[in-house]
């Protein structure tokens, strides 16, 4: 069964990560391309700029952010293509989604991972 993992880009690289995808719209501060060891950068996997700025990683907004982001993931053509692409990759390789947020609980990576697993 395909599995999709989630990890902070600042965590050390591990060969077990498999196919590494950065899912942030903005490049993470202090990370070089060599350090990142990305296979792909999917900016369109990230929430819209408007939603990202509104959320601002405030835990009290996470529930509403999740609803709005899931709506984007299910209705935005570019995001649908990205999800299909990630799911296709996950059928043949281990996939690790990488995000830059400090908070490991209240971030868009959690929402994206759950949506992808729901579709598997």
PDB file of N, CA and C in Angstrom:
ATOM      1  N   UNK A   1       0.838  -1.190   0.000  1.00  0.00           N
ATOM      2  CA  UNK A   1       0.000   0.000   0.000  1.00  0.00           C
ATOM      3  C   UNK A   1       0.884   1.255   0.000  1.00  0.00           C
ATOM      4  N   UNK A   2       0.502   2.203  -0.794  1.00  0.00           N
ATOM      5  CA  UNK A   2       1.269   3.447  -0.900  1.00  0.00           C
ATOM      6  C   UNK A   2       1.124   4.258   0.387  1.00  0.00           C
ATOM      7  N   UNK A   3       2.232   4.849   0.790  1.00  0.00           N
ATOM      8  CA  UNK A   3       2.211   5.736   1.952  1.00  0.00           C
ATOM      9  C   UNK A   3       2.877   7.034   1.592  1.00  0.00           C
ATOM     10  N   UNK A   4       2.354   8.100   2.170  1.00  0.00           N
ATOM     11  CA  UNK A   4       2.906   9.428   1.943  1.00  0.00           C
ATOM     12  C   UNK A   4       3.316   9.980   3.298  1.00  0.00           C
ATOM     13  N   UNK A   5       4.586  10.333   3.410  1.00  0.00           N
ATOM     14  CA  UNK A   5       5.139  10.795   4.674  1.00  0.00           C
ATOM     15  C   UNK A   5       5.276  12.310   4.667  1.00  0.00           C
ATOM     16  N   UNK A   6       5.435  12.861   5.844  1.00  0.00           N
ATOM     17  CA  UNK A   6       5.521  14.299   6.013  1.00  0.00           C
ATOM     18  C   UNK A   6       6.708  14.609   6.912  1.00  0.00           C
ATOM     19  N   UNK A   7       7.463  15.647   6.541  1.00  0.00           N
ATOM     20  CA  UNK A   7       8.664  15.958   7.293  1.00  0.00           C
ATOM     21  C   UNK A   7       9.018  17.426   7.086  1.00  0.00           C
ATOM     22  N   UNK A   8       9.572  18.004   8.098  1.00  0.00           N
ATOM     23  CA  UNK A   8      10.052  19.375   8.010  1.00  0.00           C
ATOM     24  C   UNK A   8      11.332  19.407   7.168  1.00  0.00           C
ATOM     25  N   UNK A   9      11.444  20.352   6.266  1.00  0.00           N
ATOM     26  CA  UNK A   9      12.617  20.409   5.378  1.00  0.00           C
ATOM     27  C   UNK A   9      13.902  20.656   6.160  1.00  0.00           C
ATOM     28  N   UNK A  10      13.787  21.197   7.356  1.00  0.00           N
ATOM     29  CA  UNK A  10      14.967  21.461   8.189  1.00  0.00           C
ATOM     30  C   UNK A  10      15.470  20.200   8.892  1.00  0.00           C
ATOM     31  N   UNK A  11      14.677  19.134   8.871  1.00  0.00           N
ATOM     32  CA  UNK A  11      15.132  17.861   9.443  1.00  0.00           C
ATOM     33  C   UNK A  11      16.170  17.244   8.506  1.00  0.00           C
ATOM     34  N   UNK A  12      17.075  16.444   9.036  1.00  0.00           N
ATOM     35  CA  UNK A  12      18.136  15.878   8.200  1.00  0.00           C
ATOM     36  C   UNK A  12      17.597  14.987   7.081  1.00  0.00           C
ATOM     37  N   UNK A  13      18.285  15.026   5.963  1.00  0.00           N
ATOM     38  CA  UNK A  13      17.986  14.148   4.834  1.00  0.00           C
ATOM     39  C   UNK A  13      18.183  12.702   5.263  1.00  0.00           C
ATOM     40  N   UNK A  14      17.332  11.835   4.743  1.00  0.00           N
ATOM     41  CA  UNK A  14      17.439  10.403   5.006  1.00  0.00           C
ATOM     42  C   UNK A  14      17.130   9.687   3.695  1.00  0.00           C
ATOM     43  N   UNK A  15      17.956   8.721   3.336  1.00  0.00           N
ATOM     44  CA  UNK A  15      17.713   7.963   2.098  1.00  0.00           C
ATOM     45  C   UNK A  15      16.332   7.320   2.098  1.00  0.00           C
ATOM     46  N   UNK A  16      15.814   7.018   3.264  1.00  0.00           N
ATOM     47  CA  UNK A  16      14.494   6.383   3.380  1.00  0.00           C
ATOM     48  C   UNK A  16      13.355   7.347   3.022  1.00  0.00           C
ATOM     49  N   UNK A  17      13.658   8.638   2.835  1.00  0.00           N
ATOM     50  CA  UNK A  17      12.621   9.596   2.463  1.00  0.00           C
ATOM     51  C   UNK A  17      12.002   9.248   1.115  1.00  0.00           C
ATOM     52  N   UNK A  18      12.747   8.595   0.267  1.00  0.00           N
ATOM     53  CA  UNK A  18      12.237   8.302  -1.069  1.00  0.00           C
ATOM     54  C   UNK A  18      12.185   9.568  -1.907  1.00  0.00           C
ATOM     55  N   UNK A  19      11.093   9.752  -2.617  1.00  0.00           N
ATOM     56  CA  UNK A  19      10.905  10.899  -3.503  1.00  0.00           C
ATOM     57  C   UNK A  19      10.525  12.100  -2.661  1.00  0.00           C
ATOM     58  N   UNK A  20      11.375  13.134  -2.668  1.00  0.00           N
ATOM     59  CA  UNK A  20      11.212  14.296  -1.785  1.00  0.00           C
ATOM     60  C   UNK A  20      10.580  15.457  -2.547  1.00  0.00           C
ATOM     61  N   UNK A  21       9.445  15.940  -2.017  1.00  0.00           N
ATOM     62  CA  UNK A  21       8.694  17.020  -2.658  1.00  0.00           C
ATOM     63  C   UNK A  21       8.507  18.174  -1.684  1.00  0.00           C
ATOM     64  N   UNK A  22       9.005  19.347  -2.072  1.00  0.00           N
ATOM     65  CA  UNK A  22       8.732  20.555  -1.298  1.00  0.00           C
ATOM     66  C   UNK A  22       7.335  21.040  -1.663  1.00  0.00           C
ATOM     67  N   UNK A  23       6.488  21.258  -0.645  1.00  0.00           N
ATOM     68  CA  UNK A  23       5.087  21.623  -0.881  1.00  0.00           C
ATOM     69  C   UNK A  23       4.781  23.048  -0.437  1.00  0.00           C
ATOM     70  N   UNK A  24       5.806  23.868  -0.258  1.00  0.00           N
ATOM     71  CA  UNK A  24       5.629  25.268   0.120  1.00  0.00           C
ATOM     72  C   UNK A  24       5.652  26.152  -1.124  1.00  0.00           C
ATOM     73  N   UNK A  25       4.917  27.236  -1.086  1.00  0.00           N
ATOM     74  CA  UNK A  25       4.919  28.206  -2.184  1.00  0.00           C
ATOM     75  C   UNK A  25       6.219  29.014  -2.187  1.00  0.00           C
ATOM     76  N   UNK A  26       6.747  29.287  -0.994  1.00  0.00           N
ATOM     77  CA  UNK A  26       7.971  30.075  -0.849  1.00  0.00           C
ATOM     78  C   UNK A  26       9.134  29.164  -0.477  1.00  0.00           C
ATOM     79  N   UNK A  27      10.319  29.489  -0.989  1.00  0.00           N
ATOM     80  CA  UNK A  27      11.500  28.692  -0.655  1.00  0.00           C
ATOM     81  C   UNK A  27      11.839  28.904   0.825  1.00  0.00           C
ATOM     82  N   UNK A  28      12.117  27.840   1.573  1.00  0.00           N
ATOM     83  CA  UNK A  28      12.429  27.962   3.004  1.00  0.00           C
ATOM     84  C   UNK A  28      13.758  28.675   3.257  1.00  0.00           C
ATOM     85  N   UNK A  29      13.734  29.565   4.212  1.00  0.00           N
ATOM     86  CA  UNK A  29      14.931  30.339   4.559  1.00  0.00           C
ATOM     87  C   UNK A  29      16.049  29.451   5.062  1.00  0.00           C
ATOM     88  N   UNK A  30      17.257  29.788   4.634  1.00  0.00           N
ATOM     89  CA  UNK A  30      18.439  29.113   5.154  1.00  0.00           C
ATOM     90  C   UNK A  30      18.690  27.733   4.587  1.00  0.00           C
ATOM     91  N   UNK A  31      17.931  27.312   3.599  1.00  0.00           N
ATOM     92  CA  UNK A  31      18.107  25.979   3.004  1.00  0.00           C
ATOM     93  C   UNK A  31      18.652  26.154   1.589  1.00  0.00           C
ATOM     94  N   UNK A  32      19.768  25.532   1.322  1.00  0.00           N
ATOM     95  CA  UNK A  32      20.309  25.576  -0.041  1.00  0.00           C
ATOM     96  C   UNK A  32      19.664  24.459  -0.864  1.00  0.00           C
ATOM     97  N   UNK A  33      19.754  24.578  -2.161  1.00  0.00           N
ATOM     98  CA  UNK A  33      19.200  23.529  -3.024  1.00  0.00           C
ATOM     99  C   UNK A  33      19.927  22.205  -2.795  1.00  0.00           C
ATOM    100  N   UNK A  34      21.208  22.280  -2.501  1.00  0.00           N
ATOM    101  CA  UNK A  34      21.980  21.060  -2.246  1.00  0.00           C
ATOM    102  C   UNK A  34      21.508  20.385  -0.952  1.00  0.00           C
ATOM    103  N   UNK A  35      21.289  21.188   0.085  1.00  0.00           N
ATOM    104  CA  UNK A  35      20.833  20.653   1.368  1.00  0.00           C
ATOM    105  C   UNK A  35      19.432  20.065   1.251  1.00  0.00           C
ATOM    106  N   UNK A  36      18.591  20.705   0.468  1.00  0.00           N
ATOM    107  CA  UNK A  36      17.200  20.278   0.339  1.00  0.00           C
ATOM    108  C   UNK A  36      17.074  18.894  -0.293  1.00  0.00           C
ATOM    109  N   UNK A  37      17.954  18.585  -1.221  1.00  0.00           N
ATOM    110  CA  UNK A  37      17.934  17.288  -1.922  1.00  0.00           C
ATOM    111  C   UNK A  37      16.527  16.954  -2.418  1.00  0.00           C
ATOM    112  N   UNK A  38      15.942  17.910  -3.115  1.00  0.00           N
ATOM    113  CA  UNK A  38      14.581  17.736  -3.620  1.00  0.00           C
ATOM    114  C   UNK A  38      14.569  16.953  -4.918  1.00  0.00           C
ATOM    115  N   UNK A  39      13.497  16.223  -5.097  1.00  0.00           N
ATOM    116  CA  UNK A  39      13.208  15.642  -6.396  1.00  0.00           C
ATOM    117  C   UNK A  39      12.271  16.570  -7.168  1.00  0.00           C
ATOM    118  N   UNK A  40      11.473  17.338  -6.417  1.00  0.00           N
ATOM    119  CA  UNK A  40      10.502  18.210  -7.061  1.00  0.00           C
ATOM    120  C   UNK A  40      10.034  19.288  -6.086  1.00  0.00           C
ATOM    121  N   UNK A  41       9.686  20.438  -6.620  1.00  0.00           N
ATOM    122  CA  UNK A  41       9.109  21.539  -5.837  1.00  0.00           C
ATOM    123  C   UNK A  41       7.746  21.826  -6.435  1.00  0.00           C
ATOM    124  N   UNK A  42       6.693  21.490  -5.713  1.00  0.00           N
ATOM    125  CA  UNK A  42       5.319  21.674  -6.190  1.00  0.00           C
ATOM    126  C   UNK A  42       4.672  22.838  -5.463  1.00  0.00           C
ATOM    127  N   UNK A  43       4.903  24.039  -5.971  1.00  0.00           N
ATOM    128  CA  UNK A  43       4.357  25.249  -5.354  1.00  0.00           C
ATOM    129  C   UNK A  43       2.831  25.230  -5.328  1.00  0.00           C
ATOM    130  N   UNK A  44       2.235  24.629  -6.358  1.00  0.00           N
ATOM    131  CA  UNK A  44       0.768  24.619  -6.439  1.00  0.00           C
ATOM    132  C   UNK A  44       0.114  23.695  -5.415  1.00  0.00           C
ATOM    133  N   UNK A  45       0.914  22.925  -4.693  1.00  0.00           N
ATOM    134  CA  UNK A  45       0.353  22.101  -3.618  1.00  0.00           C
ATOM    135  C   UNK A  45       0.030  22.950  -2.395  1.00  0.00           C
ATOM    136  N   UNK A  46       0.673  24.087  -2.298  1.00  0.00           N
ATOM    137  CA  UNK A  46       0.504  24.973  -1.139  1.00  0.00           C
ATOM    138  C   UNK A  46      -0.833  25.711  -1.208  1.00  0.00           C
ATOM    139  N   UNK A  47      -1.307  26.183  -0.059  1.00  0.00           N
ATOM    140  CA  UNK A  47      -2.522  27.001  -0.069  1.00  0.00           C
ATOM    141  C   UNK A  47      -2.299  28.276  -0.881  1.00  0.00           C
ATOM    142  N   UNK A  48      -3.375  28.861  -1.345  1.00  0.00           N
ATOM    143  CA  UNK A  48      -3.270  30.131  -2.054  1.00  0.00           C
ATOM    144  C   UNK A  48      -2.575  31.152  -1.153  1.00  0.00           C
ATOM    145  N   UNK A  49      -1.963  32.143  -1.769  1.00  0.00           N
ATOM    146  CA  UNK A  49      -1.277  33.185  -0.993  1.00  0.00           C
ATOM    147  C   UNK A  49      -2.230  33.868  -0.024  1.00  0.00           C
ATOM    148  N   UNK A  50      -3.453  34.112  -0.479  1.00  0.00           N
ATOM    149  CA  UNK A  50      -4.443  34.773   0.371  1.00  0.00           C
ATOM    150  C   UNK A  50      -4.755  33.934   1.606  1.00  0.00           C
ATOM    151  N   UNK A  51      -4.961  32.626   1.403  1.00  0.00           N
ATOM    152  CA  UNK A  51      -5.279  31.740   2.526  1.00  0.00           C
ATOM    153  C   UNK A  51      -4.084  31.609   3.465  1.00  0.00           C
ATOM    154  N   UNK A  52      -2.895  31.486   2.903  1.00  0.00           N
ATOM    155  CA  UNK A  52      -1.681  31.366   3.722  1.00  0.00           C
ATOM    156  C   UNK A  52      -1.497  32.598   4.606  1.00  0.00           C
ATOM    157  N   UNK A  53      -1.676  33.769   4.020  1.00  0.00           N
ATOM    158  CA  UNK A  53      -1.512  35.011   4.789  1.00  0.00           C
ATOM    159  C   UNK A  53      -2.598  35.152   5.851  1.00  0.00           C
ATOM    160  N   UNK A  54      -3.818  34.751   5.521  1.00  0.00           N
ATOM    161  CA  UNK A  54      -4.922  34.826   6.487  1.00  0.00           C
ATOM    162  C   UNK A  54      -4.655  33.908   7.685  1.00  0.00           C
ATOM    163  N   UNK A  55      -4.227  32.690   7.412  1.00  0.00           N
ATOM    164  CA  UNK A  55      -3.988  31.698   8.468  1.00  0.00           C
ATOM    165  C   UNK A  55      -2.833  32.117   9.375  1.00  0.00           C
ATOM    166  N   UNK A  56      -1.717  32.495   8.787  1.00  0.00           N
ATOM    167  CA  UNK A  56      -0.554  32.981   9.533  1.00  0.00           C
ATOM    168  C   UNK A  56      -0.139  32.023  10.665  1.00  0.00           C
ATOM    169  N   UNK A  57      -0.391  30.743  10.486  1.00  0.00           N
ATOM    170  CA  UNK A  57      -0.016  29.685  11.445  1.00  0.00           C
ATOM    171  C   UNK A  57      -0.564  29.911  12.851  1.00  0.00           C
ATOM    172  N   UNK A  58      -1.759  30.436  12.937  1.00  0.00           N
ATOM    173  CA  UNK A  58      -2.406  30.633  14.236  1.00  0.00           C
ATOM    174  C   UNK A  58      -3.244  29.398  14.560  1.00  0.00           C
ATOM    175  N   UNK A  59      -2.895  28.677  15.616  1.00  0.00           N
ATOM    176  CA  UNK A  59      -3.609  27.439  15.959  1.00  0.00           C
ATOM    177  C   UNK A  59      -5.125  27.618  16.065  1.00  0.00           C
ATOM    178  N   UNK A  60      -5.571  28.767  16.563  1.00  0.00           N
ATOM    179  CA  UNK A  60      -7.014  28.980  16.733  1.00  0.00           C
ATOM    180  C   UNK A  60      -7.749  29.086  15.392  1.00  0.00           C
ATOM    181  N   UNK A  61      -7.019  29.271  14.297  1.00  0.00           N
ATOM    182  CA  UNK A  61      -7.636  29.364  12.962  1.00  0.00           C
ATOM    183  C   UNK A  61      -7.491  28.066  12.170  1.00  0.00           C
ATOM    184  N   UNK A  62      -6.815  27.064  12.757  1.00  0.00           N
ATOM    185  CA  UNK A  62      -6.469  25.860  11.995  1.00  0.00           C
ATOM    186  C   UNK A  62      -7.693  25.107  11.491  1.00  0.00           C
ATOM    187  N   UNK A  63      -8.721  24.987  12.289  1.00  0.00           N
ATOM    188  CA  UNK A  63      -9.908  24.247  11.857  1.00  0.00           C
ATOM    189  C   UNK A  63     -10.538  24.908  10.625  1.00  0.00           C
ATOM    190  N   UNK A  64     -10.703  26.215  10.669  1.00  0.00           N
ATOM    191  CA  UNK A  64     -11.280  26.926   9.532  1.00  0.00           C
ATOM    192  C   UNK A  64     -10.320  26.919   8.339  1.00  0.00           C
ATOM    193  N   UNK A  65      -9.012  27.054   8.620  1.00  0.00           N
ATOM    194  CA  UNK A  65      -8.008  26.964   7.561  1.00  0.00           C
ATOM    195  C   UNK A  65      -8.102  25.616   6.855  1.00  0.00           C
ATOM    196  N   UNK A  66      -8.224  24.549   7.634  1.00  0.00           N
ATOM    197  CA  UNK A  66      -8.311  23.202   7.068  1.00  0.00           C
ATOM    198  C   UNK A  66      -9.487  23.101   6.107  1.00  0.00           C
ATOM    199  N   UNK A  67     -10.645  23.588   6.516  1.00  0.00           N
ATOM    200  CA  UNK A  67     -11.825  23.536   5.651  1.00  0.00           C
ATOM    201  C   UNK A  67     -11.590  24.300   4.347  1.00  0.00           C
ATOM    202  N   UNK A  68     -11.020  25.481   4.449  1.00  0.00           N
ATOM    203  CA  UNK A  68     -10.784  26.311   3.261  1.00  0.00           C
ATOM    204  C   UNK A  68      -9.714  25.694   2.351  1.00  0.00           C
ATOM    205  N   UNK A  69      -8.688  25.146   2.949  1.00  0.00           N
ATOM    206  CA  UNK A  69      -7.610  24.543   2.150  1.00  0.00           C
ATOM    207  C   UNK A  69      -8.105  23.269   1.463  1.00  0.00           C
ATOM    208  N   UNK A  70      -8.860  22.450   2.165  1.00  0.00           N
ATOM    209  CA  UNK A  70      -9.418  21.244   1.548  1.00  0.00           C
ATOM    210  C   UNK A  70     -10.320  21.635   0.381  1.00  0.00           C
ATOM    211  N   UNK A  71     -11.077  22.692   0.544  1.00  0.00           N
ATOM    212  CA  UNK A  71     -11.921  23.177  -0.555  1.00  0.00           C
ATOM    213  C   UNK A  71     -11.052  23.550  -1.757  1.00  0.00           C
ATOM    214  N   UNK A  72      -9.944  24.230  -1.510  1.00  0.00           N
ATOM    215  CA  UNK A  72      -9.016  24.550  -2.605  1.00  0.00           C
ATOM    216  C   UNK A  72      -8.469  23.278  -3.246  1.00  0.00           C
ATOM    217  N   UNK A  73      -8.055  22.320  -2.429  1.00  0.00           N
ATOM    218  CA  UNK A  73      -7.478  21.085  -2.946  1.00  0.00           C
ATOM    219  C   UNK A  73      -8.457  20.306  -3.811  1.00  0.00           C
ATOM    220  N   UNK A  74      -9.724  20.408  -3.511  1.00  0.00           N
ATOM    221  CA  UNK A  74     -10.740  19.646  -4.236  1.00  0.00           C
ATOM    222  C   UNK A  74     -11.342  20.391  -5.421  1.00  0.00           C
ATOM    223  N   UNK A  75     -11.144  21.708  -5.491  1.00  0.00           N
ATOM    224  CA  UNK A  75     -11.814  22.490  -6.528  1.00  0.00           C
ATOM    225  C   UNK A  75     -10.893  23.261  -7.461  1.00  0.00           C
ATOM    226  N   UNK A  76      -9.656  23.482  -7.083  1.00  0.00           N
ATOM    227  CA  UNK A  76      -8.710  24.227  -7.927  1.00  0.00           C
ATOM    228  C   UNK A  76      -8.042  23.253  -8.907  1.00  0.00           C
ATOM    229  N   UNK A  77      -8.157  23.547 -10.197  1.00  0.00           N
ATOM    230  CA  UNK A  77      -7.639  22.640 -11.231  1.00  0.00           C
ATOM    231  C   UNK A  77      -6.151  22.334 -11.059  1.00  0.00           C
ATOM    232  N   UNK A  78      -5.346  23.353 -10.759  1.00  0.00           N
ATOM    233  CA  UNK A  78      -3.907  23.134 -10.582  1.00  0.00           C
ATOM    234  C   UNK A  78      -3.620  22.239  -9.377  1.00  0.00           C
ATOM    235  N   UNK A  79      -4.347  22.445  -8.307  1.00  0.00           N
ATOM    236  CA  UNK A  79      -4.145  21.625  -7.105  1.00  0.00           C
ATOM    237  C   UNK A  79      -4.598  20.181  -7.348  1.00  0.00           C
ATOM    238  N   UNK A  80      -5.655  20.011  -8.107  1.00  0.00           N
ATOM    239  CA  UNK A  80      -6.127  18.663  -8.444  1.00  0.00           C
ATOM    240  C   UNK A  80      -5.053  17.929  -9.250  1.00  0.00           C
ATOM    241  N   UNK A  81      -4.421  18.612 -10.204  1.00  0.00           N
ATOM    242  CA  UNK A  81      -3.347  18.004 -11.000  1.00  0.00           C
ATOM    243  C   UNK A  81      -2.175  17.608 -10.101  1.00  0.00           C
ATOM    244  N   UNK A  82      -1.834  18.480  -9.160  1.00  0.00           N
ATOM    245  CA  UNK A  82      -0.730  18.194  -8.239  1.00  0.00           C
ATOM    246  C   UNK A  82      -1.054  16.963  -7.392  1.00  0.00           C
ATOM    247  N   UNK A  83      -2.251  16.900  -6.865  1.00  0.00           N
ATOM    248  CA  UNK A  83      -2.653  15.747  -6.048  1.00  0.00           C
ATOM    249  C   UNK A  83      -2.586  14.463  -6.865  1.00  0.00           C
ATOM    250  N   UNK A  84      -3.118  14.499  -8.086  1.00  0.00           N
ATOM    251  CA  UNK A  84      -3.060  13.313  -8.949  1.00  0.00           C
ATOM    252  C   UNK A  84      -1.615  12.904  -9.198  1.00  0.00           C
ATOM    253  N   UNK A  85      -0.738  13.870  -9.421  1.00  0.00           N
ATOM    254  CA  UNK A  85       0.680  13.600  -9.675  1.00  0.00           C
ATOM    255  C   UNK A  85       1.328  12.937  -8.450  1.00  0.00           C
ATOM    256  N   UNK A  86       1.083  13.488  -7.270  1.00  0.00           N
ATOM    257  CA  UNK A  86       1.665  12.915  -6.048  1.00  0.00           C
ATOM    258  C   UNK A  86       1.143  11.493  -5.823  1.00  0.00           C
ATOM    259  N   UNK A  87      -0.142  11.291  -6.035  1.00  0.00           N
ATOM    260  CA  UNK A  87      -0.715   9.953  -5.853  1.00  0.00           C
ATOM    261  C   UNK A  87      -0.112   8.959  -6.834  1.00  0.00           C
ATOM    262  N   UNK A  88       0.122   9.390  -8.056  1.00  0.00           N
ATOM    263  CA  UNK A  88       0.752   8.519  -9.049  1.00  0.00           C
ATOM    264  C   UNK A  88       2.168   8.144  -8.621  1.00  0.00           C
ATOM    265  N   UNK A  89       2.921   9.126  -8.121  1.00  0.00           N
ATOM    266  CA  UNK A  89       4.271   8.853  -7.623  1.00  0.00           C
ATOM    267  C   UNK A  89       4.245   7.871  -6.461  1.00  0.00           C
ATOM    268  N   UNK A  90       3.277   8.036  -5.574  1.00  0.00           N
ATOM    269  CA  UNK A  90       3.194   7.203  -4.365  1.00  0.00           C
ATOM    270  C   UNK A  90       2.881   5.746  -4.681  1.00  0.00           C
ATOM    271  N   UNK A  91       2.355   5.482  -5.854  1.00  0.00           N
ATOM    272  CA  UNK A  91       2.065   4.099  -6.232  1.00  0.00           C
ATOM    273  C   UNK A  91       3.339   3.303  -6.513  1.00  0.00           C
ATOM    274  N   UNK A  92       4.424   4.018  -6.871  1.00  0.00           N
ATOM    275  CA  UNK A  92       5.648   3.306  -7.230  1.00  0.00           C
ATOM    276  C   UNK A  92       6.846   3.634  -6.340  1.00  0.00           C
ATOM    277  N   UNK A  93       6.711   4.615  -5.463  1.00  0.00           N
ATOM    278  CA  UNK A  93       7.853   5.026  -4.642  1.00  0.00           C
ATOM    279  C   UNK A  93       7.347   5.597  -3.321  1.00  0.00           C
ATOM    280  N   UNK A  94       8.186   5.552  -2.332  1.00  0.00           N
ATOM    281  CA  UNK A  94       7.879   6.228  -1.068  1.00  0.00           C
ATOM    282  C   UNK A  94       7.970   7.727  -1.332  1.00  0.00           C
ATOM    283  N   UNK A  95       6.990   8.486  -0.874  1.00  0.00           N
ATOM    284  CA  UNK A  95       6.947   9.926  -1.092  1.00  0.00           C
ATOM    285  C   UNK A  95       6.998  10.629   0.260  1.00  0.00           C
ATOM    286  N   UNK A  96       7.868  11.632   0.356  1.00  0.00           N
ATOM    287  CA  UNK A  96       7.932  12.457   1.557  1.00  0.00           C
ATOM    288  C   UNK A  96       7.660  13.899   1.159  1.00  0.00           C
ATOM    289  N   UNK A  97       6.615  14.456   1.764  1.00  0.00           N
ATOM    290  CA  UNK A  97       6.262  15.859   1.563  1.00  0.00           C
ATOM    291  C   UNK A  97       7.065  16.688   2.549  1.00  0.00           C
ATOM    292  N   UNK A  98       7.672  17.761   2.076  1.00  0.00           N
ATOM    293  CA  UNK A  98       8.516  18.605   2.911  1.00  0.00           C
ATOM    294  C   UNK A  98       7.905  19.992   3.039  1.00  0.00           C
ATOM    295  N   UNK A  99       7.866  20.481   4.263  1.00  0.00           N
ATOM    296  CA  UNK A  99       7.319  21.819   4.534  1.00  0.00           C
ATOM    297  C   UNK A  99       8.304  22.573   5.419  1.00  0.00           C
ATOM    298  N   UNK A 100       8.188  23.903   5.441  1.00  0.00           N
ATOM    299  CA  UNK A 100       9.124  24.713   6.201  1.00  0.00           C
ATOM    300  C   UNK A 100       8.585  25.262   7.512  1.00  0.00           C
ATOM    301  N   UNK A 101       7.295  25.156   7.749  1.00  0.00           N
ATOM    302  CA  UNK A 101       6.685  25.734   8.957  1.00  0.00           C
ATOM    303  C   UNK A 101       7.335  25.185  10.226  1.00  0.00           C
ATOM    304  N   UNK A 102       7.396  26.028  11.258  1.00  0.00           N
ATOM    305  CA  UNK A 102       7.978  25.608  12.543  1.00  0.00           C
ATOM    306  C   UNK A 102       7.061  24.653  13.289  1.00  0.00           C
ATOM    307  N   UNK A 103       5.757  24.878  13.183  1.00  0.00           N
ATOM    308  CA  UNK A 103       4.783  24.101  13.944  1.00  0.00           C
ATOM    309  C   UNK A 103       4.489  22.772  13.243  1.00  0.00           C
ATOM    310  N   UNK A 104       4.791  21.637  13.903  1.00  0.00           N
ATOM    311  CA  UNK A 104       4.562  20.338  13.277  1.00  0.00           C
ATOM    312  C   UNK A 104       3.100  19.877  13.310  1.00  0.00           C
ATOM    313  N   UNK A 105       2.237  20.628  13.980  1.00  0.00           N
ATOM    314  CA  UNK A 105       0.832  20.227  14.113  1.00  0.00           C
ATOM    315  C   UNK A 105      -0.095  21.104  13.284  1.00  0.00           C
ATOM    316  N   UNK A 106       0.145  22.396  13.305  1.00  0.00           N
ATOM    317  CA  UNK A 106      -0.748  23.344  12.637  1.00  0.00           C
ATOM    318  C   UNK A 106      -0.092  23.901  11.381  1.00  0.00           C
ATOM    319  N   UNK A 107      -0.050  23.073  10.346  1.00  0.00           N
ATOM    320  CA  UNK A 107       0.517  23.513   9.078  1.00  0.00           C
ATOM    321  C   UNK A 107      -0.196  22.838   7.911  1.00  0.00           C
ATOM    322  N   UNK A 108      -0.022  23.385   6.733  1.00  0.00           N
ATOM    323  CA  UNK A 108      -0.747  22.880   5.569  1.00  0.00           C
ATOM    324  C   UNK A 108      -0.308  21.478   5.163  1.00  0.00           C
ATOM    325  N   UNK A 109       0.904  21.085   5.523  1.00  0.00           N
ATOM    326  CA  UNK A 109       1.370  19.746   5.185  1.00  0.00           C
ATOM    327  C   UNK A 109       0.504  18.656   5.792  1.00  0.00           C
ATOM    328  N   UNK A 110       0.059  18.872   7.013  1.00  0.00           N
ATOM    329  CA  UNK A 110      -0.825  17.916   7.692  1.00  0.00           C
ATOM    330  C   UNK A 110      -2.121  17.748   6.893  1.00  0.00           C
ATOM    331  N   UNK A 111      -2.678  18.859   6.468  1.00  0.00           N
ATOM    332  CA  UNK A 111      -3.948  18.850   5.725  1.00  0.00           C
ATOM    333  C   UNK A 111      -3.760  18.154   4.378  1.00  0.00           C
ATOM    334  N   UNK A 112      -2.676  18.494   3.680  1.00  0.00           N
ATOM    335  CA  UNK A 112      -2.408  17.889   2.374  1.00  0.00           C
ATOM    336  C   UNK A 112      -2.185  16.387   2.512  1.00  0.00           C
ATOM    337  N   UNK A 113      -1.407  15.987   3.491  1.00  0.00           N
ATOM    338  CA  UNK A 113      -1.155  14.562   3.707  1.00  0.00           C
ATOM    339  C   UNK A 113      -2.457  13.810   3.973  1.00  0.00           C
ATOM    340  N   UNK A 114      -3.316  14.368   4.813  1.00  0.00           N
ATOM    341  CA  UNK A 114      -4.599  13.717   5.110  1.00  0.00           C
ATOM    342  C   UNK A 114      -5.471  13.616   3.863  1.00  0.00           C
ATOM    343  N   UNK A 115      -5.486  14.652   3.060  1.00  0.00           N
ATOM    344  CA  UNK A 115      -6.280  14.630   1.828  1.00  0.00           C
ATOM    345  C   UNK A 115      -5.737  13.585   0.844  1.00  0.00           C
ATOM    346  N   UNK A 116      -4.430  13.492   0.738  1.00  0.00           N
ATOM    347  CA  UNK A 116      -3.826  12.487  -0.138  1.00  0.00           C
ATOM    348  C   UNK A 116      -4.137  11.074   0.364  1.00  0.00           C
ATOM    349  N   UNK A 117      -4.012  10.853   1.651  1.00  0.00           N
ATOM    350  CA  UNK A 117      -4.293   9.522   2.205  1.00  0.00           C
ATOM    351  C   UNK A 117      -5.765   9.157   2.053  1.00  0.00           C
ATOM    352  N   UNK A 118      -6.635  10.154   2.135  1.00  0.00           N
ATOM    353  CA  UNK A 118      -8.056   9.913   1.929  1.00  0.00           C
ATOM    354  C   UNK A 118      -8.308   9.407   0.501  1.00  0.00           C
ATOM    355  N   UNK A 119      -7.520   9.907  -0.444  1.00  0.00           N
ATOM    356  CA  UNK A 119      -7.695   9.543  -1.843  1.00  0.00           C
ATOM    357  C   UNK A 119      -7.008   8.243  -2.239  1.00  0.00           C
ATOM    358  N   UNK A 120      -6.081   7.742  -1.401  1.00  0.00           N
ATOM    359  CA  UNK A 120      -5.358   6.505  -1.753  1.00  0.00           C
ATOM    360  C   UNK A 120      -6.280   5.307  -1.798  1.00  0.00           C
TER     361      UNK A 120
END
